[in-house]
Each structure stands twice: as C-alpha cells, then as structure tokens.
Amino acid sequence: MIGITTLDLTALDTVGIEGDEMTTVDTYWHAKGSYTSRLAGANHVKLSLAKAYAVPRGLSFSRGQMATLGIDFLGISADGEATPLSRTVSQALVTGWEAANAYSIAKIVQDNDPYDVDDGSLDFGLDARVDGMYAYPTEAWLENRDPVLTFNTPDIAAELITSGAGELWLRRRQSGTVFYADAAAQHVKISWYASKATAGEAGGGEAVSVPVTITPLWDGNGAHPILTISTASAIT
C-alpha cells in the first residue's frame, strides 16, 4: 500500500468516493543530502504500483487553511506471484507535480441551516479489501461504507441541529489568497440525502465551539446514493 495526502480535491473525479481501479501509479521520493534541502538531478527514488485499488479515506479542513484529501493505493498483483510494488533508483523528479487546485472550507448546511466551521473532517468510511489465493492479492472489493462527518462550529444554534439532507462546501482558491467568487462553478460540493445529526454541548470559554457529528444514511429505497460529489459547483 502507498498512502498520499493531496490538496487537489479534483482527484475525487478520478478515484470517486467509493474508490476505483488504477494502473501505473507512480510516486516519487526525493533524496536529501547533508545540510541541503534536496538533491538535484537523478538522485531520487520512484515507487510504482502496476495496478492498484485507489481508496479515498477522507477530508480534513480548518478555517483559513487548505483542505487535504487522503488516498490509499492498495497494490494488486497481475497473477498473484509478481509483486505489485516496484522500486526504481536514480530517478529525476518529474515536473508539473504541484497541485493546481486547492480548497478551503466554506460552510456546512444541514437540514437547510448553514453553519460556519472552525475545523472538521469527513471520513468516507470505506471498508476496502484486497485478497487472493496466492502470495500477493489479485482481487479488490468494497465490503462496507459508513461515512461520518464531524466538525466544530461557533454557531450556538448547532446544539439544536436536526437530521435530514445536507451539504459540505469547499471554496476553490484561484491564486495566492484569492478565491473564486461563490457564483463561479469552481467549488466542491459533497451532499447527502438523509442523515442522523447530533451535537454536543458548547464549550471553549470565550470562543464558543459546538461539536457536531453527521452520519449520512441510505434513503431506504436506493434512489439516492449515500454521498454525491461535484467539483464544479457554485456555492449557494
């Protein structure tokens, strides 16, 4: 397994929120010399997976900071005997690897009530499995899915939060500290049709903070997915 964290939430367009099969996953690991930040030239290492199950693990976000997305790549062997992981030394770092997109938390809406957010996380709750009858796994599947959203809000009204539909909004950064306008279809929206929402007691002294937990649920008839995502939405 290779695990990464990225600022580019549009990666969800590729891996989805249930995971997907990937081929030729390359990760680069830079080498550092004594008293230097990073060596130049072909001095680095590349770890590759010829085939992998890409599993999004979750989002982390806090006010004024860029949100991060965690992804695990679970290696899958072609025949069960060949290792899915390879290591290549004396590599030059590829160019253009910088994240082109970055996002910051905008708001969370639950049962039509918007809430400011101090910090929080969305655990996609994917119970991903890889297995096989040989030395290395040859099969992958999703056993279960139990997403959970937790966050802290300064809105004291959150103590009375109600269950229902909701949305998590993340605002896309345009450049530096400049963000796209809310009306621009550039932002990330994650929504749920049904949920159970609970809140703890407000705390924090002068800076009031209410802890909230939202558990997205199936709608009971399969008409709506447990979570949906758009990386090109206007904030409403």
C-alpha atoms as a PDB file:
ATOM      1  CA  MET A   1       0.000   0.000   0.000  1.00  0.00           C
ATOM      2  CA  ILE A   2       1.067   3.552  -0.768  1.00  0.00           C
ATOM      3  CA  GLY A   3      -0.721   6.360   1.053  1.00  0.00           C
ATOM      4  CA  ILE A   4      -0.730  10.002  -0.011  1.00  0.00           C
ATOM      5  CA  THR A   5      -2.259  13.309   1.038  1.00  0.00           C
ATOM      6  CA  THR A   6      -3.152  15.920  -1.571  1.00  0.00           C
ATOM      7  CA  LEU A   7      -4.567  19.444  -1.709  1.00  0.00           C
ATOM      8  CA  ASP A   8      -6.137  18.772  -5.108  1.00  0.00           C
ATOM      9  CA  LEU A   9      -9.653  17.615  -4.307  1.00  0.00           C
ATOM     10  CA  THR A  10     -10.422  17.142  -8.002  1.00  0.00           C
ATOM     11  CA  ALA A  11      -8.657  13.804  -7.509  1.00  0.00           C
ATOM     12  CA  LEU A  12     -12.102  12.675  -6.396  1.00  0.00           C
ATOM     13  CA  ASP A  13     -13.184  12.968 -10.035  1.00  0.00           C
ATOM     14  CA  THR A  14     -10.718  10.170 -10.775  1.00  0.00           C
ATOM     15  CA  VAL A  15     -10.972   7.886  -7.757  1.00  0.00           C
ATOM     16  CA  GLY A  16     -14.603   8.669  -6.919  1.00  0.00           C
ATOM     17  CA  ILE A  17     -15.896   8.483  -3.360  1.00  0.00           C
ATOM     18  CA  GLU A  18     -16.094   4.686  -3.471  1.00  0.00           C
ATOM     19  CA  GLY A  19     -12.633   4.089  -4.936  1.00  0.00           C
ATOM     20  CA  ASP A  20     -11.630   2.813  -8.362  1.00  0.00           C
ATOM     21  CA  GLU A  21      -9.046   0.709 -10.179  1.00  0.00           C
ATOM     22  CA  MET A  22      -5.837   2.493 -11.159  1.00  0.00           C
ATOM     23  CA  THR A  23      -2.981   1.385 -13.386  1.00  0.00           C
ATOM     24  CA  THR A  24       0.610   2.619 -13.253  1.00  0.00           C
ATOM     25  CA  VAL A  25       0.600   4.549 -10.000  1.00  0.00           C
ATOM     26  CA  ASP A  26       3.991   6.294  -9.680  1.00  0.00           C
ATOM     27  CA  THR A  27       5.149   8.097  -6.544  1.00  0.00           C
ATOM     28  CA  TYR A  28       8.427   9.974  -6.263  1.00  0.00           C
ATOM     29  CA  TRP A  29      10.529  10.262  -3.112  1.00  0.00           C
ATOM     30  CA  HIS A  30      13.140  12.975  -3.059  1.00  0.00           C
ATOM     31  CA  ALA A  31      16.591  12.462  -1.584  1.00  0.00           C
ATOM     32  CA  LYS A  32      18.242  14.922   0.762  1.00  0.00           C
ATOM     33  CA  GLY A  33      21.962  15.404   1.211  1.00  0.00           C
ATOM     34  CA  SER A  34      23.843  16.560   4.278  1.00  0.00           C
ATOM     35  CA  TYR A  35      22.980  20.156   5.125  1.00  0.00           C
ATOM     36  CA  THR A  36      20.850  20.531   1.980  1.00  0.00           C
ATOM     37  CA  SER A  37      17.097  20.560   1.416  1.00  0.00           C
ATOM     38  CA  ARG A  38      17.005  18.333  -1.668  1.00  0.00           C
ATOM     39  CA  LEU A  39      19.488  16.853  -4.096  1.00  0.00           C
ATOM     40  CA  ALA A  40      19.337  17.854  -7.746  1.00  0.00           C
ATOM     41  CA  GLY A  41      19.384  15.568 -10.777  1.00  0.00           C
ATOM     42  CA  ALA A  42      18.729  11.825 -10.921  1.00  0.00           C
ATOM     43  CA  ASN A  43      19.194  11.068  -7.229  1.00  0.00           C
ATOM     44  CA  HIS A  44      15.657  10.180  -6.239  1.00  0.00           C
ATOM     45  CA  VAL A  45      13.511   7.061  -5.856  1.00  0.00           C
ATOM     46  CA  LYS A  46      10.309   6.045  -7.631  1.00  0.00           C
ATOM     47  CA  LEU A  47       7.875   3.583  -6.072  1.00  0.00           C
ATOM     48  CA  SER A  48       5.324   2.207  -8.518  1.00  0.00           C
ATOM     49  CA  LEU A  49       2.233   0.032  -8.470  1.00  0.00           C
ATOM     50  CA  ALA A  50       1.379  -1.614 -11.785  1.00  0.00           C
ATOM     51  CA  LYS A  51      -2.227  -1.952 -10.613  1.00  0.00           C
ATOM     52  CA  ALA A  52      -3.996  -0.676  -7.524  1.00  0.00           C
ATOM     53  CA  TYR A  53      -7.339  -0.118  -5.837  1.00  0.00           C
ATOM     54  CA  ALA A  54      -7.408   3.630  -5.121  1.00  0.00           C
ATOM     55  CA  VAL A  55      -9.353   4.264  -1.896  1.00  0.00           C
ATOM     56  CA  PRO A  56     -10.210   7.813  -0.769  1.00  0.00           C
ATOM     57  CA  ARG A  57     -10.000   7.837   3.009  1.00  0.00           C
ATOM     58  CA  GLY A  58     -11.265  11.273   3.964  1.00  0.00           C
ATOM     59  CA  LEU A  59     -11.077  15.057   4.007  1.00  0.00           C
ATOM     60  CA  SER A  60      -9.614  17.273   6.723  1.00  0.00           C
ATOM     61  CA  PHE A  61     -10.317  21.001   6.893  1.00  0.00           C
ATOM     62  CA  SER A  62      -9.993  24.002   9.185  1.00  0.00           C
ATOM     63  CA  ARG A  63     -10.769  27.692   8.945  1.00  0.00           C
ATOM     64  CA  GLY A  64      -8.211  29.619   6.902  1.00  0.00           C
ATOM     65  CA  GLN A  65      -6.294  26.500   5.856  1.00  0.00           C
ATOM     66  CA  MET A  66      -6.321  24.405   2.700  1.00  0.00           C
ATOM     67  CA  ALA A  67      -8.296  21.156   2.956  1.00  0.00           C
ATOM     68  CA  THR A  68      -6.475  17.855   2.412  1.00  0.00           C
ATOM     69  CA  LEU A  69      -7.610  14.563   0.897  1.00  0.00           C
ATOM     70  CA  GLY A  70      -6.117  11.229   1.918  1.00  0.00           C
ATOM     71  CA  ILE A  71      -5.911   8.397  -0.612  1.00  0.00           C
ATOM     72  CA  ASP A  72      -4.576   4.860  -0.177  1.00  0.00           C
ATOM     73  CA  PHE A  73      -3.415   2.832  -3.170  1.00  0.00           C
ATOM     74  CA  LEU A  74      -3.765  -0.878  -2.393  1.00  0.00           C
ATOM     75  CA  GLY A  75      -1.494  -2.908  -4.647  1.00  0.00           C
ATOM     76  CA  ILE A  76      -2.938  -5.713  -6.782  1.00  0.00           C
ATOM     77  CA  SER A  77      -0.794  -8.347  -8.469  1.00  0.00           C
ATOM     78  CA  ALA A  78      -1.327  -9.376 -12.098  1.00  0.00           C
ATOM     79  CA  ASP A  79      -1.013 -13.086 -11.315  1.00  0.00           C
ATOM     80  CA  GLY A  80      -0.616 -13.396  -7.559  1.00  0.00           C
ATOM     81  CA  GLU A  81       3.072 -14.253  -7.839  1.00  0.00           C
ATOM     82  CA  ALA A  82       4.565 -10.984  -9.115  1.00  0.00           C
ATOM     83  CA  THR A  83       4.835  -8.230  -6.526  1.00  0.00           C
ATOM     84  CA  PRO A  84       2.627  -5.250  -7.393  1.00  0.00           C
ATOM     85  CA  LEU A  85       5.220  -2.843  -5.967  1.00  0.00           C
ATOM     86  CA  SER A  86       8.460  -1.901  -7.724  1.00  0.00           C
ATOM     87  CA  ARG A  87      11.300   0.400  -6.710  1.00  0.00           C
ATOM     88  CA  THR A  88      13.471   2.326  -9.153  1.00  0.00           C
ATOM     89  CA  VAL A  89      16.513   4.341  -8.046  1.00  0.00           C
ATOM     90  CA  SER A  90      18.491   7.142  -9.715  1.00  0.00           C
ATOM     91  CA  GLN A  91      15.357   8.947 -10.821  1.00  0.00           C
ATOM     92  CA  ALA A  92      14.899  12.592 -11.721  1.00  0.00           C
ATOM     93  CA  LEU A  93      11.816  14.252 -10.271  1.00  0.00           C
ATOM     94  CA  VAL A  94       9.007  14.823 -12.748  1.00  0.00           C
ATOM     95  CA  THR A  95       7.833  18.355 -13.440  1.00  0.00           C
ATOM     96  CA  GLY A  96       4.302  19.659 -13.125  1.00  0.00           C
ATOM     97  CA  TRP A  97       3.530  17.725  -9.952  1.00  0.00           C
ATOM     98  CA  GLU A  98       2.340  20.767  -7.990  1.00  0.00           C
ATOM     99  CA  ALA A  99      -1.358  20.745  -7.079  1.00  0.00           C
ATOM    100  CA  ALA A 100      -3.206  23.057  -9.453  1.00  0.00           C
ATOM    101  CA  ASN A 101      -6.287  23.222  -7.250  1.00  0.00           C
ATOM    102  CA  ALA A 102      -6.646  23.925  -3.547  1.00  0.00           C
ATOM    103  CA  TYR A 103      -9.745  24.438  -1.443  1.00  0.00           C
ATOM    104  CA  SER A 104     -10.777  25.865   1.922  1.00  0.00           C
ATOM    105  CA  ILE A 105     -13.885  25.123   3.965  1.00  0.00           C
ATOM    106  CA  ALA A 106     -16.765  27.453   3.090  1.00  0.00           C
ATOM    107  CA  LYS A 107     -19.719  26.163   5.128  1.00  0.00           C
ATOM    108  CA  ILE A 108     -21.783  23.141   6.064  1.00  0.00           C
ATOM    109  CA  VAL A 109     -25.551  23.122   5.521  1.00  0.00           C
ATOM    110  CA  GLN A 110     -27.703  20.656   7.447  1.00  0.00           C
ATOM    111  CA  ASP A 111     -31.477  20.472   7.011  1.00  0.00           C
ATOM    112  CA  ASN A 112     -31.378  23.897   5.264  1.00  0.00           C
ATOM    113  CA  ASP A 113     -29.479  25.554   8.150  1.00  0.00           C
ATOM    114  CA  PRO A 114     -25.974  26.876   7.299  1.00  0.00           C
ATOM    115  CA  TYR A 115     -23.123  26.634   9.819  1.00  0.00           C
ATOM    116  CA  ASP A 116     -19.719  28.286   9.978  1.00  0.00           C
ATOM    117  CA  VAL A 117     -16.932  25.791  10.562  1.00  0.00           C
ATOM    118  CA  ASP A 118     -13.822  26.026  12.737  1.00  0.00           C
ATOM    119  CA  ASP A 119     -12.433  22.614  11.785  1.00  0.00           C
ATOM    120  CA  GLY A 120     -13.533  19.113  10.984  1.00  0.00           C
ATOM    121  CA  SER A 121     -13.182  16.012   8.858  1.00  0.00           C
ATOM    122  CA  LEU A 122     -15.186  13.746   6.582  1.00  0.00           C
ATOM    123  CA  ASP A 123     -14.314  10.072   6.893  1.00  0.00           C
ATOM    124  CA  PHE A 124     -15.561   8.266   3.783  1.00  0.00           C
ATOM    125  CA  GLY A 125     -15.772   5.108   5.894  1.00  0.00           C
ATOM    126  CA  LEU A 126     -14.742   2.709   3.136  1.00  0.00           C
ATOM    127  CA  ASP A 127     -14.025  -0.842   4.263  1.00  0.00           C
ATOM    128  CA  ALA A 128     -11.882  -1.750   1.240  1.00  0.00           C
ATOM    129  CA  ARG A 129     -10.475  -5.266   0.894  1.00  0.00           C
ATOM    130  CA  VAL A 130      -7.785  -6.885  -1.252  1.00  0.00           C
ATOM    131  CA  ASP A 131      -7.185 -10.627  -1.203  1.00  0.00           C
ATOM    132  CA  GLY A 132      -6.349 -13.674  -3.283  1.00  0.00           C
ATOM    133  CA  MET A 133      -5.160 -17.276  -3.175  1.00  0.00           C
ATOM    134  CA  TYR A 134      -1.526 -16.510  -3.905  1.00  0.00           C
ATOM    135  CA  ALA A 135       1.404 -14.647  -2.377  1.00  0.00           C
ATOM    136  CA  TYR A 136       0.010 -11.261  -3.405  1.00  0.00           C
ATOM    137  CA  PRO A 137      -3.609 -10.055  -3.688  1.00  0.00           C
ATOM    138  CA  THR A 138      -5.321 -10.355  -7.058  1.00  0.00           C
ATOM    139  CA  GLU A 139      -8.804  -9.132  -6.172  1.00  0.00           C
ATOM    140  CA  ALA A 140     -10.255  -5.989  -4.602  1.00  0.00           C
ATOM    141  CA  TRP A 141     -13.720  -5.023  -3.427  1.00  0.00           C
ATOM    142  CA  LEU A 142     -15.660  -2.714  -1.140  1.00  0.00           C
ATOM    143  CA  GLU A 143     -17.059  -4.560   1.862  1.00  0.00           C
ATOM    144  CA  ASN A 144     -18.950  -1.707   3.502  1.00  0.00           C
ATOM    145  CA  ARG A 145     -19.348   2.049   3.570  1.00  0.00           C
ATOM    146  CA  ASP A 146     -20.104   4.119   6.678  1.00  0.00           C
ATOM    147  CA  PRO A 147     -19.207   7.801   6.154  1.00  0.00           C
ATOM    148  CA  VAL A 148     -19.092  10.179   9.127  1.00  0.00           C
ATOM    149  CA  LEU A 149     -18.740  13.968   9.149  1.00  0.00           C
ATOM    150  CA  THR A 150     -17.516  15.662  12.332  1.00  0.00           C
ATOM    151  CA  PHE A 151     -16.918  19.379  12.802  1.00  0.00           C
ATOM    152  CA  ASN A 152     -16.779  22.191  15.328  1.00  0.00           C
ATOM    153  CA  THR A 153     -18.829  25.319  14.785  1.00  0.00           C
ATOM    154  CA  PRO A 154     -19.053  28.677  16.594  1.00  0.00           C
ATOM    155  CA  ASP A 155     -22.814  28.720  15.921  1.00  0.00           C
ATOM    156  CA  ILE A 156     -24.504  28.023  19.246  1.00  0.00           C
ATOM    157  CA  ALA A 157     -27.701  27.131  17.345  1.00  0.00           C
ATOM    158  CA  ALA A 158     -25.955  23.927  16.284  1.00  0.00           C
ATOM    159  CA  GLU A 159     -26.893  22.450  19.673  1.00  0.00           C
ATOM    160  CA  LEU A 160     -30.378  22.087  18.136  1.00  0.00           C
ATOM    161  CA  ILE A 161     -29.162  20.656  14.822  1.00  0.00           C
ATOM    162  CA  THR A 162     -31.665  18.368  13.084  1.00  0.00           C
ATOM    163  CA  SER A 163     -31.313  15.312  10.890  1.00  0.00           C
ATOM    164  CA  GLY A 164     -32.005  15.385   7.169  1.00  0.00           C
ATOM    165  CA  ALA A 165     -30.299  16.336   3.928  1.00  0.00           C
ATOM    166  CA  GLY A 166     -27.125  18.391   3.910  1.00  0.00           C
ATOM    167  CA  GLU A 167     -24.102  19.729   2.081  1.00  0.00           C
ATOM    168  CA  LEU A 168     -20.396  20.307   2.685  1.00  0.00           C
ATOM    169  CA  TRP A 169     -18.946  23.203   0.668  1.00  0.00           C
ATOM    170  CA  LEU A 170     -15.249  23.835  -0.043  1.00  0.00           C
ATOM    171  CA  ARG A 171     -14.204  27.053  -1.803  1.00  0.00           C
ATOM    172  CA  ARG A 172     -11.582  26.840  -4.572  1.00  0.00           C
ATOM    173  CA  ARG A 173      -8.524  29.061  -4.366  1.00  0.00           C
ATOM    174  CA  GLN A 174      -7.747  30.948  -7.570  1.00  0.00           C
ATOM    175  CA  SER A 175      -4.207  32.134  -6.744  1.00  0.00           C
ATOM    176  CA  GLY A 176      -2.365  33.021  -3.571  1.00  0.00           C
ATOM    177  CA  THR A 177      -5.037  34.105  -1.081  1.00  0.00           C
ATOM    178  CA  VAL A 178      -7.589  34.956  -3.798  1.00  0.00           C
ATOM    179  CA  PHE A 179     -10.603  32.655  -4.108  1.00  0.00           C
ATOM    180  CA  TYR A 180     -13.104  32.201  -6.894  1.00  0.00           C
ATOM    181  CA  ALA A 181     -16.408  34.001  -6.361  1.00  0.00           C
ATOM    182  CA  ASP A 182     -19.175  31.900  -4.816  1.00  0.00           C
ATOM    183  CA  ALA A 183     -21.221  32.232  -8.015  1.00  0.00           C
ATOM    184  CA  ALA A 184     -18.457  30.596 -10.085  1.00  0.00           C
ATOM    185  CA  ALA A 185     -18.941  26.880 -10.753  1.00  0.00           C
ATOM    186  CA  GLN A 186     -15.480  26.079  -9.379  1.00  0.00           C
ATOM    187  CA  HIS A 187     -16.159  24.747  -5.908  1.00  0.00           C
ATOM    188  CA  VAL A 188     -16.514  21.333  -4.280  1.00  0.00           C
ATOM    189  CA  LYS A 189     -19.919  20.232  -3.029  1.00  0.00           C
ATOM    190  CA  ILE A 190     -20.469  16.972  -1.165  1.00  0.00           C
ATOM    191  CA  SER A 191     -24.098  16.257  -0.350  1.00  0.00           C
ATOM    192  CA  TRP A 192     -26.245  13.646   1.370  1.00  0.00           C
ATOM    193  CA  TYR A 193     -29.959  12.979   1.016  1.00  0.00           C
ATOM    194  CA  ALA A 194     -30.552  11.658   4.542  1.00  0.00           C
ATOM    195  CA  SER A 195     -28.577  11.637   7.789  1.00  0.00           C
ATOM    196  CA  LYS A 196     -28.558  11.427  11.545  1.00  0.00           C
ATOM    197  CA  ALA A 197     -27.170  14.552  13.216  1.00  0.00           C
ATOM    198  CA  THR A 198     -26.139  15.013  16.849  1.00  0.00           C
ATOM    199  CA  ALA A 199     -24.422  17.839  18.720  1.00  0.00           C
ATOM    200  CA  GLY A 200     -22.513  18.045  21.968  1.00  0.00           C
ATOM    201  CA  GLU A 201     -22.579  20.860  24.488  1.00  0.00           C
ATOM    202  CA  ALA A 202     -20.982  24.175  23.612  1.00  0.00           C
ATOM    203  CA  GLY A 203     -17.566  24.724  25.152  1.00  0.00           C
ATOM    204  CA  GLY A 204     -14.390  26.708  24.698  1.00  0.00           C
ATOM    205  CA  GLY A 205     -14.830  29.633  27.084  1.00  0.00           C
ATOM    206  CA  GLU A 206     -14.933  32.958  25.231  1.00  0.00           C
ATOM    207  CA  ALA A 207     -14.595  31.232  21.863  1.00  0.00           C
ATOM    208  CA  VAL A 208     -17.751  29.130  21.768  1.00  0.00           C
ATOM    209  CA  SER A 209     -17.467  25.839  19.889  1.00  0.00           C
ATOM    210  CA  VAL A 210     -20.145  23.209  19.366  1.00  0.00           C
ATOM    211  CA  PRO A 211     -19.051  19.690  18.301  1.00  0.00           C
ATOM    212  CA  VAL A 212     -21.333  18.146  15.668  1.00  0.00           C
ATOM    213  CA  THR A 213     -21.489  14.644  14.186  1.00  0.00           C
ATOM    214  CA  ILE A 214     -23.433  13.915  10.994  1.00  0.00           C
ATOM    215  CA  THR A 215     -23.835  10.341   9.788  1.00  0.00           C
ATOM    216  CA  PRO A 216     -25.079  10.183   6.168  1.00  0.00           C
ATOM    217  CA  LEU A 217     -27.594   7.385   5.626  1.00  0.00           C
ATOM    218  CA  TRP A 218     -29.078   5.411   2.774  1.00  0.00           C
ATOM    219  CA  ASP A 219     -32.508   6.733   1.842  1.00  0.00           C
ATOM    220  CA  GLY A 220     -34.057   3.278   2.301  1.00  0.00           C
ATOM    221  CA  ASN A 221     -35.009   2.600  -1.310  1.00  0.00           C
ATOM    222  CA  GLY A 222     -31.732   3.097  -3.168  1.00  0.00           C
ATOM    223  CA  ALA A 223     -32.995   6.087  -5.146  1.00  0.00           C
ATOM    224  CA  HIS A 224     -30.181   8.284  -3.833  1.00  0.00           C
ATOM    225  CA  PRO A 225     -26.513   7.446  -3.186  1.00  0.00           C
ATOM    226  CA  ILE A 226     -25.277   7.881   0.352  1.00  0.00           C
ATOM    227  CA  LEU A 227     -22.948  10.683  -0.800  1.00  0.00           C
ATOM    228  CA  THR A 228     -22.659  12.635  -4.039  1.00  0.00           C
ATOM    229  CA  ILE A 229     -19.859  14.955  -5.100  1.00  0.00           C
ATOM    230  CA  SER A 230     -19.363  17.759  -7.577  1.00  0.00           C
ATOM    231  CA  THR A 231     -16.039  19.570  -8.112  1.00  0.00           C
ATOM    232  CA  ALA A 232     -17.646  22.211 -10.334  1.00  0.00           C
ATOM    233  CA  SER A 233     -20.458  23.790  -8.297  1.00  0.00           C
ATOM    234  CA  ALA A 234     -21.443  27.329  -7.439  1.00  0.00           C
ATOM    235  CA  ILE A 235     -21.850  27.996  -3.714  1.00  0.00           C
ATOM    236  CA  THR A 236     -25.469  28.803  -2.939  1.00  0.00           C
END
